């Protein structure tokens, strides 16, 4: 089964802090919705003004999570 990495981009001087905080909400969503699968979340600073938060879901769960959380983009997750 393929895994999909859902990504939220944040820009501006507070992007890093916002991405870290958003990751906490992604973990809460996983627990609240009892999602099965990889429970992978994270955040990454791409520059001083661009950071992202992400979560990895099974392909079969992608549409439900996408519609509920509205990520900015997604990609196939490769371990």
C-alpha atoms as a PDB file:
ATOM      1  CA  UNK A   1       0.000   0.000   0.000  1.00  0.00           C
ATOM      2  CA  UNK A   2       1.343   3.412  -0.956  1.00  0.00           C
ATOM      3  CA  UNK A   3       1.764   6.127   1.615  1.00  0.00           C
ATOM      4  CA  UNK A   4       0.975   9.780   0.928  1.00  0.00           C
ATOM      5  CA  UNK A   5       2.776  12.700   2.577  1.00  0.00           C
ATOM      6  CA  UNK A   6       0.349  15.587   3.110  1.00  0.00           C
ATOM      7  CA  UNK A   7       2.127  18.947   3.428  1.00  0.00           C
ATOM      8  CA  UNK A   8       1.198  22.337   4.868  1.00  0.00           C
ATOM      9  CA  UNK A   9       3.459  25.278   3.922  1.00  0.00           C
ATOM     10  CA  UNK A  10       3.999  28.271   6.189  1.00  0.00           C
ATOM     11  CA  UNK A  11       5.766  31.454   5.176  1.00  0.00           C
ATOM     12  CA  UNK A  12       7.024  34.501   7.033  1.00  0.00           C
ATOM     13  CA  UNK A  13       9.202  35.211  10.052  1.00  0.00           C
ATOM     14  CA  UNK A  14       7.070  32.962  12.317  1.00  0.00           C
ATOM     15  CA  UNK A  15       6.872  30.062   9.845  1.00  0.00           C
ATOM     16  CA  UNK A  16       9.040  27.699  11.899  1.00  0.00           C
ATOM     17  CA  UNK A  17       7.064  28.173  15.104  1.00  0.00           C
ATOM     18  CA  UNK A  18       3.766  27.801  13.273  1.00  0.00           C
ATOM     19  CA  UNK A  19       4.909  24.587  11.554  1.00  0.00           C
ATOM     20  CA  UNK A  20       6.006  23.072  14.882  1.00  0.00           C
ATOM     21  CA  UNK A  21       2.673  24.012  16.440  1.00  0.00           C
ATOM     22  CA  UNK A  22       0.747  22.618  13.463  1.00  0.00           C
ATOM     23  CA  UNK A  23       2.554  19.290  13.900  1.00  0.00           C
ATOM     24  CA  UNK A  24       1.061  19.038  17.405  1.00  0.00           C
ATOM     25  CA  UNK A  25      -2.418  19.444  15.941  1.00  0.00           C
ATOM     26  CA  UNK A  26      -1.692  16.764  13.341  1.00  0.00           C
ATOM     27  CA  UNK A  27      -0.738  14.325  16.124  1.00  0.00           C
ATOM     28  CA  UNK A  28      -3.951  15.213  17.976  1.00  0.00           C
ATOM     29  CA  UNK A  29      -5.975  14.566  14.816  1.00  0.00           C
ATOM     30  CA  UNK A  30      -4.379  11.142  14.347  1.00  0.00           C
ATOM     31  CA  UNK A  31      -5.270  10.187  17.922  1.00  0.00           C
ATOM     32  CA  UNK A  32      -8.795  11.634  17.799  1.00  0.00           C
ATOM     33  CA  UNK A  33      -9.658   9.964  14.484  1.00  0.00           C
ATOM     34  CA  UNK A  34      -7.905   6.716  15.446  1.00  0.00           C
ATOM     35  CA  UNK A  35      -6.071   6.605  12.121  1.00  0.00           C
ATOM     36  CA  UNK A  36      -4.269   3.377  11.427  1.00  0.00           C
ATOM     37  CA  UNK A  37      -0.973   3.174   9.661  1.00  0.00           C
ATOM     38  CA  UNK A  38       2.295   4.968   9.931  1.00  0.00           C
ATOM     39  CA  UNK A  39       1.595   7.849  12.409  1.00  0.00           C
ATOM     40  CA  UNK A  40       4.466   9.829  10.892  1.00  0.00           C
ATOM     41  CA  UNK A  41       4.402  13.598  11.394  1.00  0.00           C
ATOM     42  CA  UNK A  42       7.070  16.249  11.323  1.00  0.00           C
ATOM     43  CA  UNK A  43       8.142  19.736  10.452  1.00  0.00           C
ATOM     44  CA  UNK A  44      11.025  21.103   8.430  1.00  0.00           C
ATOM     45  CA  UNK A  45      12.553  24.530   7.952  1.00  0.00           C
ATOM     46  CA  UNK A  46      13.290  25.126   4.274  1.00  0.00           C
ATOM     47  CA  UNK A  47      14.592  28.665   4.832  1.00  0.00           C
ATOM     48  CA  UNK A  48      14.286  31.471   7.375  1.00  0.00           C
ATOM     49  CA  UNK A  49      10.918  32.370   5.889  1.00  0.00           C
ATOM     50  CA  UNK A  50       9.511  29.014   4.711  1.00  0.00           C
ATOM     51  CA  UNK A  51       8.712  25.982   6.862  1.00  0.00           C
ATOM     52  CA  UNK A  52       6.377  23.057   6.492  1.00  0.00           C
ATOM     53  CA  UNK A  53       4.504  20.540   8.592  1.00  0.00           C
ATOM     54  CA  UNK A  54       3.560  17.120   7.283  1.00  0.00           C
ATOM     55  CA  UNK A  55       1.826  13.874   8.068  1.00  0.00           C
ATOM     56  CA  UNK A  56       1.960  10.528   6.289  1.00  0.00           C
ATOM     57  CA  UNK A  57      -1.212   8.512   5.706  1.00  0.00           C
ATOM     58  CA  UNK A  58      -2.122   5.321   3.912  1.00  0.00           C
ATOM     59  CA  UNK A  59      -3.424   6.006   0.403  1.00  0.00           C
ATOM     60  CA  UNK A  60      -6.891   4.688   1.319  1.00  0.00           C
ATOM     61  CA  UNK A  61      -7.184   7.334   4.090  1.00  0.00           C
ATOM     62  CA  UNK A  62      -5.858  10.219   2.001  1.00  0.00           C
ATOM     63  CA  UNK A  63      -9.154  11.583   0.683  1.00  0.00           C
ATOM     64  CA  UNK A  64     -10.820  11.628   4.106  1.00  0.00           C
ATOM     65  CA  UNK A  65      -7.845  13.357   5.742  1.00  0.00           C
ATOM     66  CA  UNK A  66      -7.369  15.734   2.793  1.00  0.00           C
ATOM     67  CA  UNK A  67     -10.998  16.842   2.899  1.00  0.00           C
ATOM     68  CA  UNK A  68     -10.922  17.351   6.669  1.00  0.00           C
ATOM     69  CA  UNK A  69      -7.536  19.095   7.008  1.00  0.00           C
ATOM     70  CA  UNK A  70      -7.032  20.707   3.585  1.00  0.00           C
ATOM     71  CA  UNK A  71      -3.269  20.365   3.099  1.00  0.00           C
ATOM     72  CA  UNK A  72      -1.566  22.645   0.610  1.00  0.00           C
ATOM     73  CA  UNK A  73      -0.049  19.772  -1.335  1.00  0.00           C
ATOM     74  CA  UNK A  74       0.855  16.101  -1.225  1.00  0.00           C
ATOM     75  CA  UNK A  75       3.383  13.650  -2.598  1.00  0.00           C
ATOM     76  CA  UNK A  76       4.109   9.953  -2.585  1.00  0.00           C
ATOM     77  CA  UNK A  77       6.025   9.101   0.594  1.00  0.00           C
ATOM     78  CA  UNK A  78       9.233   7.130   0.128  1.00  0.00           C
ATOM     79  CA  UNK A  79      10.932   5.840   3.263  1.00  0.00           C
END
